[in-house]
Amino acid sequence: MIKKDLQKFTRKFPVAQNILGKEEFFNAAVLIPLVNADGEYNFLFEKRATNIRQGGEICFPGGEIEENDKSIEETILRETFEEIGVNQERIQILGKLDTLIGPRGMTVDSCVGIVDISSIGECHIDKSEVEKIFLVPVSFFENNEPEKFTVITNSQFTFFNSKSKEESLIPKNLSNNDSYFTSKRNVLVYKTDEEIIWGLTARLVYQVIKMLKD
């Protein structure tokens, strides 16, 4: 590399920091909806339909960022309308949280937004994706710390092919050190009267509450 190449290289640094290799992840975007009901703000949650991936789990409205989406806001507004029938004119985006990196090769971008409804009865949920929606007061999470658990994640670096022969996904001389493929992570769990909220959704709730308290 000569000086001219170095000068050209320095002009390619990103203006805003991002995640290296993000295009190799499953990239999702979600809305963290706040609904003013009975004089206080509530989080609006979805319970996923049982017949889809991660069925029965609790989440926020959202989905995969499509290639032609111009922004995460576009993803969020589209998915929210598809899932709970609230159009973008009734959603006020307040701001974006930092990108959350999930444990299984995914990233989650999220925006907090006010949803202009007085009750969940104004929503029209897509039953093929959503079993139900419900509200939990933000104050519940302000007053109740999540339970914290530690889980160990193991990576699989071999598999059996169609001929029942074991094949390695990486060079064999790299697969002897288990420390490379085992990791610990904390899992947050909120037990509400309605449902148990855990995993990435709980992590997003925790971050919003942390911002409110700081």
N, C-alpha and C. Protein backbone atom coordinates (compact mmCIF):
# COMPACT_ATOMS: atom_id res chain seq x y z
N MET A 1 0.85 -1.19 0.00
CA MET A 1 0.00 0.00 0.00
C MET A 1 0.89 1.25 0.00
N ILE A 2 0.60 2.17 -0.90
CA ILE A 2 1.35 3.41 -0.96
C ILE A 2 0.53 4.53 -0.33
N LYS A 3 1.14 5.71 -0.22
CA LYS A 3 0.50 6.83 0.47
C LYS A 3 -0.84 7.20 -0.17
N LYS A 4 -0.90 7.16 -1.49
CA LYS A 4 -2.14 7.48 -2.19
C LYS A 4 -3.26 6.52 -1.80
N ASP A 5 -2.91 5.23 -1.69
CA ASP A 5 -3.90 4.22 -1.28
C ASP A 5 -4.36 4.46 0.15
N LEU A 6 -3.43 4.86 1.02
CA LEU A 6 -3.77 5.12 2.41
C LEU A 6 -4.76 6.28 2.52
N GLN A 7 -4.54 7.32 1.75
CA GLN A 7 -5.44 8.47 1.77
C GLN A 7 -6.84 8.07 1.30
N LYS A 8 -6.90 7.24 0.28
CA LYS A 8 -8.19 6.75 -0.22
C LYS A 8 -8.88 5.89 0.83
N PHE A 9 -8.08 5.08 1.53
CA PHE A 9 -8.61 4.19 2.56
C PHE A 9 -9.24 4.98 3.71
N THR A 10 -8.58 6.05 4.14
CA THR A 10 -9.06 6.81 5.30
C THR A 10 -10.39 7.50 5.01
N ARG A 11 -10.72 7.71 3.75
CA ARG A 11 -12.00 8.34 3.41
C ARG A 11 -13.16 7.36 3.48
N LYS A 12 -12.87 6.10 3.70
CA LYS A 12 -13.92 5.08 3.70
C LYS A 12 -14.40 4.70 5.10
N PHE A 13 -13.84 5.32 6.14
CA PHE A 13 -14.32 5.03 7.48
C PHE A 13 -15.77 5.51 7.62
N PRO A 14 -16.62 4.75 8.32
CA PRO A 14 -18.02 5.15 8.45
C PRO A 14 -18.17 6.42 9.28
N VAL A 15 -19.13 7.25 8.89
CA VAL A 15 -19.42 8.47 9.65
C VAL A 15 -20.06 8.11 10.98
N ALA A 16 -21.00 7.16 10.95
CA ALA A 16 -21.65 6.67 12.17
C ALA A 16 -21.27 5.21 12.36
N GLN A 17 -21.00 4.83 13.59
CA GLN A 17 -20.60 3.45 13.87
C GLN A 17 -21.76 2.49 13.66
N ASN A 18 -21.45 1.31 13.15
CA ASN A 18 -22.47 0.29 12.93
C ASN A 18 -21.92 -1.05 13.38
N ILE A 19 -22.52 -2.14 12.93
CA ILE A 19 -22.08 -3.48 13.31
C ILE A 19 -21.38 -4.12 12.12
N LEU A 20 -20.14 -4.49 12.30
CA LEU A 20 -19.37 -5.12 11.24
C LEU A 20 -19.97 -6.48 10.90
N GLY A 21 -20.24 -6.72 9.63
CA GLY A 21 -20.82 -8.00 9.20
C GLY A 21 -22.31 -8.10 9.44
N LYS A 22 -22.98 -6.98 9.66
CA LYS A 22 -24.42 -7.00 9.96
C LYS A 22 -25.23 -7.67 8.87
N GLU A 23 -24.76 -7.56 7.62
CA GLU A 23 -25.50 -8.13 6.50
C GLU A 23 -25.57 -9.66 6.57
N GLU A 24 -24.73 -10.28 7.39
CA GLU A 24 -24.74 -11.74 7.52
C GLU A 24 -25.72 -12.21 8.60
N PHE A 25 -26.28 -11.27 9.35
CA PHE A 25 -27.23 -11.62 10.40
C PHE A 25 -28.66 -11.64 9.85
N PHE A 26 -29.57 -12.21 10.64
CA PHE A 26 -31.00 -11.98 10.41
C PHE A 26 -31.32 -10.66 11.10
N ASN A 27 -31.70 -9.66 10.33
CA ASN A 27 -31.88 -8.32 10.87
C ASN A 27 -33.37 -7.98 10.98
N ALA A 28 -33.80 -7.69 12.20
CA ALA A 28 -35.20 -7.38 12.46
C ALA A 28 -35.33 -5.98 13.05
N ALA A 29 -36.53 -5.44 12.96
CA ALA A 29 -36.83 -4.14 13.57
C ALA A 29 -38.19 -4.25 14.26
N VAL A 30 -38.31 -3.68 15.45
CA VAL A 30 -39.55 -3.75 16.20
C VAL A 30 -39.94 -2.38 16.73
N LEU A 31 -41.23 -2.21 16.94
CA LEU A 31 -41.76 -1.04 17.62
C LEU A 31 -41.98 -1.39 19.09
N ILE A 32 -41.52 -0.52 19.97
CA ILE A 32 -41.84 -0.65 21.40
C ILE A 32 -43.00 0.31 21.64
N PRO A 33 -44.24 -0.19 21.60
CA PRO A 33 -45.41 0.70 21.60
C PRO A 33 -45.81 1.12 23.01
N LEU A 34 -46.06 2.41 23.16
CA LEU A 34 -46.59 2.96 24.40
C LEU A 34 -48.02 3.43 24.15
N VAL A 35 -48.94 2.98 24.99
CA VAL A 35 -50.35 3.33 24.86
C VAL A 35 -50.81 4.01 26.14
N ASN A 36 -51.40 5.19 26.00
CA ASN A 36 -51.92 5.92 27.16
C ASN A 36 -53.32 5.41 27.46
N ALA A 37 -53.45 4.62 28.51
CA ALA A 37 -54.74 4.06 28.90
C ALA A 37 -54.94 4.27 30.39
N ASP A 38 -56.14 4.74 30.76
CA ASP A 38 -56.47 4.98 32.17
C ASP A 38 -55.49 5.93 32.84
N GLY A 39 -55.02 6.91 32.08
CA GLY A 39 -54.20 7.96 32.65
C GLY A 39 -52.73 7.64 32.81
N GLU A 40 -52.28 6.48 32.33
CA GLU A 40 -50.85 6.17 32.40
C GLU A 40 -50.42 5.39 31.16
N TYR A 41 -49.12 5.44 30.89
CA TYR A 41 -48.60 4.76 29.71
C TYR A 41 -48.37 3.28 30.00
N ASN A 42 -48.68 2.49 29.00
CA ASN A 42 -48.53 1.03 29.05
C ASN A 42 -47.71 0.56 27.86
N PHE A 43 -46.95 -0.51 28.07
CA PHE A 43 -46.36 -1.22 26.93
C PHE A 43 -47.44 -2.08 26.29
N LEU A 44 -47.46 -2.13 24.97
CA LEU A 44 -48.34 -3.05 24.26
C LEU A 44 -47.50 -4.23 23.78
N PHE A 45 -47.92 -5.42 24.16
CA PHE A 45 -47.21 -6.65 23.79
C PHE A 45 -48.09 -7.51 22.89
N GLU A 46 -47.45 -8.35 22.10
CA GLU A 46 -48.13 -9.38 21.32
C GLU A 46 -47.77 -10.76 21.88
N LYS A 47 -48.73 -11.68 21.79
CA LYS A 47 -48.42 -13.10 21.98
C LYS A 47 -48.48 -13.75 20.61
N ARG A 48 -47.37 -14.34 20.20
CA ARG A 48 -47.27 -14.89 18.85
C ARG A 48 -48.20 -16.10 18.68
N ALA A 49 -48.77 -16.23 17.49
CA ALA A 49 -49.63 -17.38 17.19
C ALA A 49 -48.83 -18.68 17.34
N THR A 50 -49.51 -19.73 17.76
CA THR A 50 -48.82 -20.99 18.08
C THR A 50 -48.26 -21.69 16.86
N ASN A 51 -48.78 -21.38 15.66
CA ASN A 51 -48.37 -22.12 14.46
C ASN A 51 -47.18 -21.49 13.74
N ILE A 52 -46.58 -20.42 14.30
CA ILE A 52 -45.44 -19.79 13.65
C ILE A 52 -44.19 -20.00 14.50
N ARG A 53 -43.05 -19.60 13.93
CA ARG A 53 -41.77 -19.75 14.63
C ARG A 53 -41.81 -19.03 15.97
N GLN A 54 -41.31 -19.67 17.01
CA GLN A 54 -41.34 -19.15 18.38
C GLN A 54 -42.78 -18.84 18.81
N GLY A 55 -43.68 -19.73 18.41
CA GLY A 55 -45.09 -19.56 18.73
C GLY A 55 -45.34 -19.52 20.23
N GLY A 56 -46.27 -18.67 20.63
CA GLY A 56 -46.64 -18.55 22.03
C GLY A 56 -45.78 -17.61 22.84
N GLU A 57 -44.68 -17.13 22.25
CA GLU A 57 -43.81 -16.22 22.99
C GLU A 57 -44.32 -14.78 22.89
N ILE A 58 -43.83 -13.96 23.82
CA ILE A 58 -44.26 -12.57 23.89
C ILE A 58 -43.25 -11.69 23.17
N CYS A 59 -43.76 -10.76 22.38
CA CYS A 59 -42.86 -9.91 21.59
C CYS A 59 -43.51 -8.55 21.36
N PHE A 60 -42.79 -7.69 20.67
CA PHE A 60 -43.33 -6.42 20.20
C PHE A 60 -43.63 -6.55 18.71
N PRO A 61 -44.49 -5.68 18.16
CA PRO A 61 -44.75 -5.70 16.72
C PRO A 61 -43.46 -5.44 15.93
N GLY A 62 -43.27 -6.19 14.86
CA GLY A 62 -42.07 -5.99 14.04
C GLY A 62 -41.78 -7.21 13.20
N GLY A 63 -40.65 -7.16 12.51
CA GLY A 63 -40.28 -8.28 11.66
C GLY A 63 -38.98 -8.02 10.94
N GLU A 64 -38.72 -8.83 9.93
CA GLU A 64 -37.45 -8.76 9.21
C GLU A 64 -37.35 -7.47 8.39
N ILE A 65 -36.16 -6.87 8.43
CA ILE A 65 -35.90 -5.70 7.60
C ILE A 65 -35.72 -6.18 6.16
N GLU A 66 -36.60 -5.74 5.28
CA GLU A 66 -36.53 -6.17 3.89
C GLU A 66 -35.51 -5.34 3.11
N GLU A 67 -35.01 -5.93 2.05
CA GLU A 67 -33.91 -5.31 1.29
C GLU A 67 -34.27 -3.93 0.75
N ASN A 68 -35.54 -3.74 0.39
CA ASN A 68 -35.95 -2.45 -0.20
C ASN A 68 -36.46 -1.45 0.84
N ASP A 69 -36.41 -1.81 2.12
CA ASP A 69 -36.82 -0.85 3.16
C ASP A 69 -35.80 0.28 3.24
N LYS A 70 -36.28 1.50 3.23
CA LYS A 70 -35.38 2.66 3.25
C LYS A 70 -34.90 2.99 4.66
N SER A 71 -35.61 2.51 5.67
CA SER A 71 -35.25 2.80 7.06
C SER A 71 -35.89 1.76 7.96
N ILE A 72 -35.41 1.69 9.20
CA ILE A 72 -36.05 0.76 10.14
C ILE A 72 -37.45 1.24 10.49
N GLU A 73 -37.67 2.56 10.43
CA GLU A 73 -39.01 3.08 10.69
C GLU A 73 -40.01 2.54 9.66
N GLU A 74 -39.57 2.43 8.41
CA GLU A 74 -40.45 1.89 7.37
C GLU A 74 -40.81 0.43 7.68
N THR A 75 -39.82 -0.34 8.11
CA THR A 75 -40.07 -1.73 8.50
C THR A 75 -41.07 -1.79 9.64
N ILE A 76 -40.82 -1.00 10.67
CA ILE A 76 -41.64 -1.01 11.87
C ILE A 76 -43.09 -0.64 11.58
N LEU A 77 -43.29 0.42 10.82
CA LEU A 77 -44.64 0.89 10.53
C LEU A 77 -45.40 -0.12 9.68
N ARG A 78 -44.73 -0.74 8.71
CA ARG A 78 -45.37 -1.76 7.87
C ARG A 78 -45.78 -2.97 8.70
N GLU A 79 -44.84 -3.48 9.50
CA GLU A 79 -45.11 -4.69 10.27
C GLU A 79 -46.17 -4.45 11.34
N THR A 80 -46.16 -3.27 11.95
CA THR A 80 -47.16 -2.96 12.97
C THR A 80 -48.55 -2.94 12.36
N PHE A 81 -48.68 -2.35 11.18
CA PHE A 81 -49.98 -2.33 10.51
C PHE A 81 -50.43 -3.74 10.15
N GLU A 82 -49.50 -4.55 9.64
CA GLU A 82 -49.86 -5.91 9.24
C GLU A 82 -50.28 -6.75 10.44
N GLU A 83 -49.63 -6.56 11.57
CA GLU A 83 -49.85 -7.44 12.72
C GLU A 83 -51.01 -7.00 13.61
N ILE A 84 -51.14 -5.68 13.86
CA ILE A 84 -52.19 -5.24 14.79
C ILE A 84 -53.12 -4.20 14.18
N GLY A 85 -52.95 -3.88 12.89
CA GLY A 85 -53.91 -3.03 12.20
C GLY A 85 -53.90 -1.57 12.57
N VAL A 86 -52.78 -1.07 13.10
CA VAL A 86 -52.66 0.35 13.43
C VAL A 86 -51.82 1.02 12.35
N ASN A 87 -52.39 2.02 11.67
CA ASN A 87 -51.65 2.66 10.58
C ASN A 87 -50.68 3.71 11.09
N GLN A 88 -49.79 4.13 10.22
CA GLN A 88 -48.68 4.99 10.63
C GLN A 88 -49.12 6.37 11.11
N GLU A 89 -50.30 6.82 10.68
CA GLU A 89 -50.78 8.13 11.14
C GLU A 89 -51.07 8.14 12.63
N ARG A 90 -51.21 6.97 13.22
CA ARG A 90 -51.53 6.88 14.66
C ARG A 90 -50.31 6.50 15.49
N ILE A 91 -49.13 6.56 14.88
CA ILE A 91 -47.90 6.19 15.60
C ILE A 91 -46.93 7.36 15.55
N GLN A 92 -46.49 7.80 16.72
CA GLN A 92 -45.49 8.86 16.83
C GLN A 92 -44.18 8.25 17.32
N ILE A 93 -43.19 8.20 16.45
CA ILE A 93 -41.89 7.65 16.83
C ILE A 93 -41.15 8.65 17.71
N LEU A 94 -40.74 8.20 18.90
CA LEU A 94 -40.03 9.07 19.84
C LEU A 94 -38.52 9.02 19.65
N GLY A 95 -38.01 7.85 19.31
CA GLY A 95 -36.57 7.71 19.15
C GLY A 95 -36.17 6.26 18.99
N LYS A 96 -34.91 6.05 18.68
CA LYS A 96 -34.37 4.72 18.39
C LYS A 96 -33.41 4.29 19.49
N LEU A 97 -33.52 3.02 19.90
CA LEU A 97 -32.57 2.45 20.85
C LEU A 97 -31.33 1.95 20.11
N ASP A 98 -30.29 1.61 20.86
CA ASP A 98 -29.12 0.98 20.26
C ASP A 98 -29.51 -0.39 19.70
N THR A 99 -28.76 -0.85 18.73
CA THR A 99 -29.01 -2.16 18.13
C THR A 99 -28.71 -3.27 19.14
N LEU A 100 -29.65 -4.20 19.26
CA LEU A 100 -29.49 -5.35 20.15
C LEU A 100 -29.04 -6.55 19.34
N ILE A 101 -27.97 -7.19 19.78
CA ILE A 101 -27.47 -8.39 19.10
C ILE A 101 -27.96 -9.61 19.86
N GLY A 102 -28.73 -10.45 19.18
CA GLY A 102 -29.28 -11.64 19.80
C GLY A 102 -28.29 -12.78 19.82
N PRO A 103 -28.61 -13.84 20.56
CA PRO A 103 -27.66 -14.94 20.73
C PRO A 103 -27.59 -15.90 19.55
N ARG A 104 -28.55 -15.84 18.63
CA ARG A 104 -28.59 -16.82 17.55
C ARG A 104 -28.45 -16.16 16.18
N GLY A 105 -27.49 -15.27 16.08
CA GLY A 105 -27.20 -14.67 14.78
C GLY A 105 -28.25 -13.72 14.27
N MET A 106 -28.78 -12.87 15.14
CA MET A 106 -29.75 -11.89 14.70
C MET A 106 -29.48 -10.55 15.38
N THR A 107 -29.92 -9.48 14.74
CA THR A 107 -29.88 -8.16 15.35
C THR A 107 -31.29 -7.61 15.40
N VAL A 108 -31.54 -6.77 16.40
CA VAL A 108 -32.85 -6.14 16.55
C VAL A 108 -32.66 -4.64 16.70
N ASP A 109 -33.16 -3.89 15.73
CA ASP A 109 -33.25 -2.44 15.86
C ASP A 109 -34.65 -2.11 16.36
N SER A 110 -34.75 -1.11 17.20
CA SER A 110 -36.05 -0.82 17.80
C SER A 110 -36.27 0.67 17.96
N CYS A 111 -37.53 1.06 17.85
CA CYS A 111 -37.94 2.44 18.11
C CYS A 111 -39.05 2.43 19.15
N VAL A 112 -39.01 3.39 20.04
CA VAL A 112 -40.10 3.60 20.98
C VAL A 112 -41.08 4.56 20.34
N GLY A 113 -42.37 4.23 20.42
CA GLY A 113 -43.36 5.10 19.79
C GLY A 113 -44.67 5.14 20.55
N ILE A 114 -45.34 6.28 20.48
CA ILE A 114 -46.67 6.43 21.06
C ILE A 114 -47.70 5.95 20.05
N VAL A 115 -48.57 5.04 20.48
CA VAL A 115 -49.64 4.55 19.63
C VAL A 115 -50.94 5.22 20.07
N ASP A 116 -51.56 5.95 19.17
CA ASP A 116 -52.72 6.77 19.51
C ASP A 116 -54.00 5.95 19.48
N ILE A 117 -54.16 5.13 20.50
CA ILE A 117 -55.40 4.39 20.72
C ILE A 117 -55.74 4.50 22.20
N SER A 118 -57.01 4.37 22.52
CA SER A 118 -57.41 4.45 23.92
C SER A 118 -57.57 3.07 24.55
N SER A 119 -57.68 2.04 23.70
CA SER A 119 -57.77 0.66 24.19
C SER A 119 -57.34 -0.29 23.09
N ILE A 120 -57.00 -1.51 23.47
CA ILE A 120 -56.57 -2.48 22.46
C ILE A 120 -57.72 -2.94 21.58
N GLY A 121 -58.95 -2.60 21.98
CA GLY A 121 -60.11 -2.92 21.16
C GLY A 121 -60.11 -2.21 19.82
N GLU A 122 -59.31 -1.16 19.70
CA GLU A 122 -59.21 -0.42 18.44
C GLU A 122 -58.25 -1.09 17.45
N CYS A 123 -57.53 -2.10 17.91
CA CYS A 123 -56.59 -2.81 17.04
C CYS A 123 -57.30 -3.95 16.31
N HIS A 124 -56.77 -4.31 15.17
CA HIS A 124 -57.32 -5.42 14.38
C HIS A 124 -56.16 -6.38 14.10
N ILE A 125 -56.05 -7.41 14.93
CA ILE A 125 -54.87 -8.27 14.86
C ILE A 125 -55.00 -9.32 13.75
N ASP A 126 -53.86 -9.65 13.18
CA ASP A 126 -53.77 -10.71 12.18
C ASP A 126 -53.61 -12.03 12.92
N LYS A 127 -54.68 -12.81 12.97
CA LYS A 127 -54.69 -14.04 13.76
C LYS A 127 -53.70 -15.09 13.25
N SER A 128 -53.25 -14.95 12.00
CA SER A 128 -52.27 -15.91 11.49
C SER A 128 -50.89 -15.68 12.10
N GLU A 129 -50.67 -14.49 12.66
CA GLU A 129 -49.38 -14.16 13.26
C GLU A 129 -49.48 -13.89 14.76
N VAL A 130 -50.62 -13.37 15.19
CA VAL A 130 -50.76 -12.89 16.57
C VAL A 130 -51.95 -13.56 17.24
N GLU A 131 -51.69 -14.20 18.39
CA GLU A 131 -52.79 -14.82 19.14
C GLU A 131 -53.60 -13.77 19.88
N LYS A 132 -52.89 -12.84 20.52
CA LYS A 132 -53.57 -11.78 21.27
C LYS A 132 -52.59 -10.64 21.51
N ILE A 133 -53.13 -9.49 21.93
CA ILE A 133 -52.31 -8.38 22.40
C ILE A 133 -52.79 -7.99 23.79
N PHE A 134 -51.90 -7.38 24.56
CA PHE A 134 -52.27 -6.97 25.91
C PHE A 134 -51.39 -5.81 26.36
N LEU A 135 -51.85 -5.10 27.38
CA LEU A 135 -51.13 -3.96 27.92
C LEU A 135 -50.60 -4.27 29.31
N VAL A 136 -49.42 -3.75 29.61
CA VAL A 136 -48.86 -3.80 30.96
C VAL A 136 -48.34 -2.40 31.28
N PRO A 137 -48.77 -1.82 32.42
CA PRO A 137 -48.31 -0.47 32.76
C PRO A 137 -46.78 -0.38 32.84
N VAL A 138 -46.24 0.71 32.32
CA VAL A 138 -44.80 0.94 32.43
C VAL A 138 -44.38 0.94 33.89
N SER A 139 -45.27 1.43 34.76
CA SER A 139 -44.96 1.49 36.19
C SER A 139 -44.69 0.12 36.80
N PHE A 140 -45.31 -0.93 36.23
CA PHE A 140 -45.03 -2.28 36.74
C PHE A 140 -43.55 -2.60 36.62
N PHE A 141 -42.98 -2.28 35.48
CA PHE A 141 -41.56 -2.58 35.25
C PHE A 141 -40.65 -1.63 36.01
N GLU A 142 -41.13 -0.42 36.27
CA GLU A 142 -40.36 0.51 37.08
C GLU A 142 -40.26 0.02 38.52
N ASN A 143 -41.29 -0.67 38.97
CA ASN A 143 -41.36 -1.10 40.37
C ASN A 143 -40.94 -2.55 40.60
N ASN A 144 -40.73 -3.29 39.53
CA ASN A 144 -40.37 -4.71 39.65
C ASN A 144 -39.14 -5.03 38.81
N GLU A 145 -38.06 -5.38 39.48
CA GLU A 145 -36.85 -5.77 38.77
C GLU A 145 -37.05 -7.14 38.11
N PRO A 146 -36.43 -7.38 36.97
CA PRO A 146 -36.55 -8.70 36.36
C PRO A 146 -35.74 -9.74 37.12
N GLU A 147 -36.18 -10.98 37.05
CA GLU A 147 -35.34 -12.08 37.52
C GLU A 147 -34.23 -12.29 36.50
N LYS A 148 -33.06 -12.68 36.97
CA LYS A 148 -31.92 -12.84 36.08
C LYS A 148 -31.40 -14.27 36.15
N PHE A 149 -31.25 -14.89 35.00
CA PHE A 149 -30.75 -16.25 34.91
C PHE A 149 -29.55 -16.28 33.97
N THR A 150 -28.71 -17.27 34.15
CA THR A 150 -27.56 -17.46 33.26
C THR A 150 -27.73 -18.76 32.49
N VAL A 151 -27.57 -18.69 31.19
CA VAL A 151 -27.65 -19.89 30.37
C VAL A 151 -26.33 -20.07 29.63
N ILE A 152 -26.01 -21.31 29.32
CA ILE A 152 -24.80 -21.63 28.57
C ILE A 152 -25.21 -22.04 27.16
N THR A 153 -24.59 -21.40 26.18
CA THR A 153 -24.87 -21.68 24.78
C THR A 153 -23.71 -22.45 24.17
N ASN A 154 -24.00 -23.60 23.58
CA ASN A 154 -22.98 -24.39 22.90
C ASN A 154 -23.18 -24.32 21.39
N SER A 155 -22.09 -24.17 20.67
CA SER A 155 -22.16 -24.14 19.21
C SER A 155 -21.87 -25.53 18.65
N GLN A 156 -22.60 -25.90 17.63
CA GLN A 156 -22.40 -27.19 16.97
C GLN A 156 -21.52 -26.98 15.75
N PHE A 157 -20.39 -27.68 15.69
CA PHE A 157 -19.49 -27.47 14.55
C PHE A 157 -19.30 -28.73 13.71
N THR A 158 -20.12 -29.75 13.97
CA THR A 158 -20.17 -30.91 13.08
C THR A 158 -21.63 -31.27 12.83
N PHE A 159 -21.88 -32.01 11.75
CA PHE A 159 -23.23 -32.48 11.47
C PHE A 159 -23.13 -33.79 10.70
N PHE A 160 -24.24 -34.52 10.67
CA PHE A 160 -24.28 -35.78 9.93
C PHE A 160 -25.00 -35.55 8.61
N ASN A 161 -24.33 -35.91 7.51
CA ASN A 161 -24.92 -35.69 6.19
C ASN A 161 -25.94 -36.78 5.86
N SER A 162 -26.45 -36.75 4.63
CA SER A 162 -27.51 -37.68 4.22
C SER A 162 -27.05 -39.14 4.23
N LYS A 163 -25.72 -39.36 4.24
CA LYS A 163 -25.18 -40.72 4.29
C LYS A 163 -24.75 -41.11 5.70
N SER A 164 -25.23 -40.33 6.70
CA SER A 164 -24.92 -40.57 8.11
C SER A 164 -23.43 -40.46 8.42
N LYS A 165 -22.73 -39.70 7.62
CA LYS A 165 -21.31 -39.47 7.86
C LYS A 165 -21.13 -38.10 8.51
N GLU A 166 -20.34 -38.08 9.58
CA GLU A 166 -20.11 -36.82 10.29
C GLU A 166 -19.17 -35.92 9.49
N GLU A 167 -19.58 -34.68 9.32
CA GLU A 167 -18.76 -33.70 8.62
C GLU A 167 -18.52 -32.50 9.53
N SER A 168 -17.33 -31.92 9.37
CA SER A 168 -16.97 -30.75 10.17
C SER A 168 -17.28 -29.48 9.40
N LEU A 169 -17.83 -28.50 10.11
CA LEU A 169 -18.15 -27.22 9.49
C LEU A 169 -16.97 -26.26 9.47
N ILE A 170 -15.96 -26.56 10.26
CA ILE A 170 -14.76 -25.73 10.32
C ILE A 170 -13.55 -26.65 10.30
N PRO A 171 -12.35 -26.14 10.04
CA PRO A 171 -11.16 -26.99 10.08
C PRO A 171 -11.04 -27.74 11.40
N LYS A 172 -10.70 -29.02 11.34
CA LYS A 172 -10.69 -29.86 12.53
C LYS A 172 -9.71 -29.38 13.59
N ASN A 173 -8.62 -28.78 13.17
CA ASN A 173 -7.64 -28.33 14.16
C ASN A 173 -8.15 -27.14 14.98
N LEU A 174 -9.29 -26.57 14.57
CA LEU A 174 -9.89 -25.48 15.34
C LEU A 174 -10.99 -25.96 16.27
N SER A 175 -11.43 -27.18 16.11
CA SER A 175 -12.60 -27.66 16.85
C SER A 175 -12.25 -28.36 18.15
N ASN A 176 -10.99 -28.34 18.55
CA ASN A 176 -10.60 -29.03 19.78
C ASN A 176 -10.77 -28.18 21.03
N ASN A 177 -10.84 -26.88 20.88
CA ASN A 177 -10.93 -26.00 22.03
C ASN A 177 -12.38 -25.60 22.27
N ASP A 178 -13.01 -26.23 23.28
CA ASP A 178 -14.42 -25.98 23.55
C ASP A 178 -14.70 -24.55 23.97
N SER A 179 -13.70 -23.87 24.52
CA SER A 179 -13.92 -22.50 24.99
C SER A 179 -14.30 -21.56 23.86
N TYR A 180 -13.93 -21.91 22.63
CA TYR A 180 -14.30 -21.07 21.50
C TYR A 180 -15.79 -21.17 21.18
N PHE A 181 -16.43 -22.24 21.59
CA PHE A 181 -17.78 -22.53 21.13
C PHE A 181 -18.80 -22.58 22.26
N THR A 182 -18.39 -22.22 23.46
CA THR A 182 -19.29 -22.19 24.61
C THR A 182 -19.30 -20.79 25.19
N SER A 183 -20.48 -20.25 25.43
CA SER A 183 -20.57 -18.91 26.00
C SER A 183 -21.70 -18.84 27.01
N LYS A 184 -21.55 -17.94 27.96
CA LYS A 184 -22.60 -17.70 28.96
C LYS A 184 -23.26 -16.37 28.65
N ARG A 185 -24.56 -16.31 28.90
CA ARG A 185 -25.26 -15.04 28.74
C ARG A 185 -26.37 -14.94 29.77
N ASN A 186 -26.71 -13.71 30.10
CA ASN A 186 -27.77 -13.46 31.07
C ASN A 186 -29.11 -13.36 30.36
N VAL A 187 -30.12 -13.95 30.97
CA VAL A 187 -31.49 -13.89 30.44
C VAL A 187 -32.36 -13.20 31.48
N LEU A 188 -33.10 -12.18 31.05
CA LEU A 188 -33.99 -11.45 31.94
C LEU A 188 -35.41 -11.99 31.81
N VAL A 189 -36.11 -12.06 32.95
CA VAL A 189 -37.48 -12.59 32.98
C VAL A 189 -38.36 -11.69 33.84
N TYR A 190 -39.44 -11.18 33.25
CA TYR A 190 -40.46 -10.45 34.00
C TYR A 190 -41.70 -11.32 34.09
N LYS A 191 -42.21 -11.53 35.29
CA LYS A 191 -43.43 -12.31 35.48
C LYS A 191 -44.58 -11.34 35.77
N THR A 192 -45.40 -11.09 34.75
CA THR A 192 -46.54 -10.19 34.91
C THR A 192 -47.81 -11.02 35.16
N ASP A 193 -48.89 -10.35 35.53
CA ASP A 193 -50.15 -11.06 35.75
C ASP A 193 -50.68 -11.66 34.44
N GLU A 194 -50.30 -11.07 33.33
CA GLU A 194 -50.82 -11.50 32.03
C GLU A 194 -49.98 -12.63 31.42
N GLU A 195 -48.68 -12.43 31.31
CA GLU A 195 -47.79 -13.39 30.67
C GLU A 195 -46.38 -13.24 31.23
N ILE A 196 -45.52 -14.21 30.93
CA ILE A 196 -44.10 -14.11 31.25
C ILE A 196 -43.39 -13.48 30.06
N ILE A 197 -42.63 -12.43 30.34
CA ILE A 197 -41.91 -11.71 29.30
C ILE A 197 -40.42 -11.93 29.52
N TRP A 198 -39.74 -12.46 28.53
CA TRP A 198 -38.33 -12.81 28.73
C TRP A 198 -37.56 -12.64 27.42
N GLY A 199 -36.27 -12.94 27.48
CA GLY A 199 -35.44 -12.91 26.28
C GLY A 199 -35.22 -11.51 25.74
N LEU A 200 -35.20 -11.39 24.42
CA LEU A 200 -34.90 -10.11 23.78
C LEU A 200 -35.95 -9.06 24.11
N THR A 201 -37.22 -9.47 24.20
CA THR A 201 -38.28 -8.51 24.53
C THR A 201 -38.06 -7.94 25.92
N ALA A 202 -37.72 -8.80 26.87
CA ALA A 202 -37.44 -8.32 28.23
C ALA A 202 -36.23 -7.40 28.24
N ARG A 203 -35.25 -7.70 27.42
CA ARG A 203 -34.04 -6.86 27.35
C ARG A 203 -34.39 -5.46 26.84
N LEU A 204 -35.28 -5.37 25.87
CA LEU A 204 -35.70 -4.06 25.36
C LEU A 204 -36.48 -3.29 26.41
N VAL A 205 -37.38 -3.98 27.11
CA VAL A 205 -38.12 -3.33 28.20
C VAL A 205 -37.16 -2.81 29.25
N TYR A 206 -36.21 -3.63 29.62
CA TYR A 206 -35.22 -3.26 30.65
C TYR A 206 -34.46 -2.00 30.24
N GLN A 207 -34.11 -1.89 28.97
CA GLN A 207 -33.37 -0.72 28.50
C GLN A 207 -34.23 0.54 28.58
N VAL A 208 -35.50 0.43 28.19
CA VAL A 208 -36.39 1.59 28.28
C VAL A 208 -36.53 2.05 29.73
N ILE A 209 -36.72 1.09 30.64
CA ILE A 209 -36.86 1.43 32.06
C ILE A 209 -35.58 2.06 32.59
N LYS A 210 -34.45 1.54 32.17
CA LYS A 210 -33.16 2.10 32.59
C LYS A 210 -33.05 3.56 32.14
N MET A 211 -33.48 3.84 30.91
CA MET A 211 -33.44 5.21 30.41
C MET A 211 -34.37 6.12 31.21
N LEU A 212 -35.52 5.60 31.62
CA LEU A 212 -36.47 6.40 32.40
C LEU A 212 -35.92 6.73 33.78
N LYS A 213 -35.15 5.80 34.33
CA LYS A 213 -34.64 5.98 35.70
C LYS A 213 -33.35 6.79 35.76
N ASP A 214 -32.56 6.77 34.71
CA ASP A 214 -31.27 7.47 34.72
C ASP A 214 -31.47 8.99 34.76
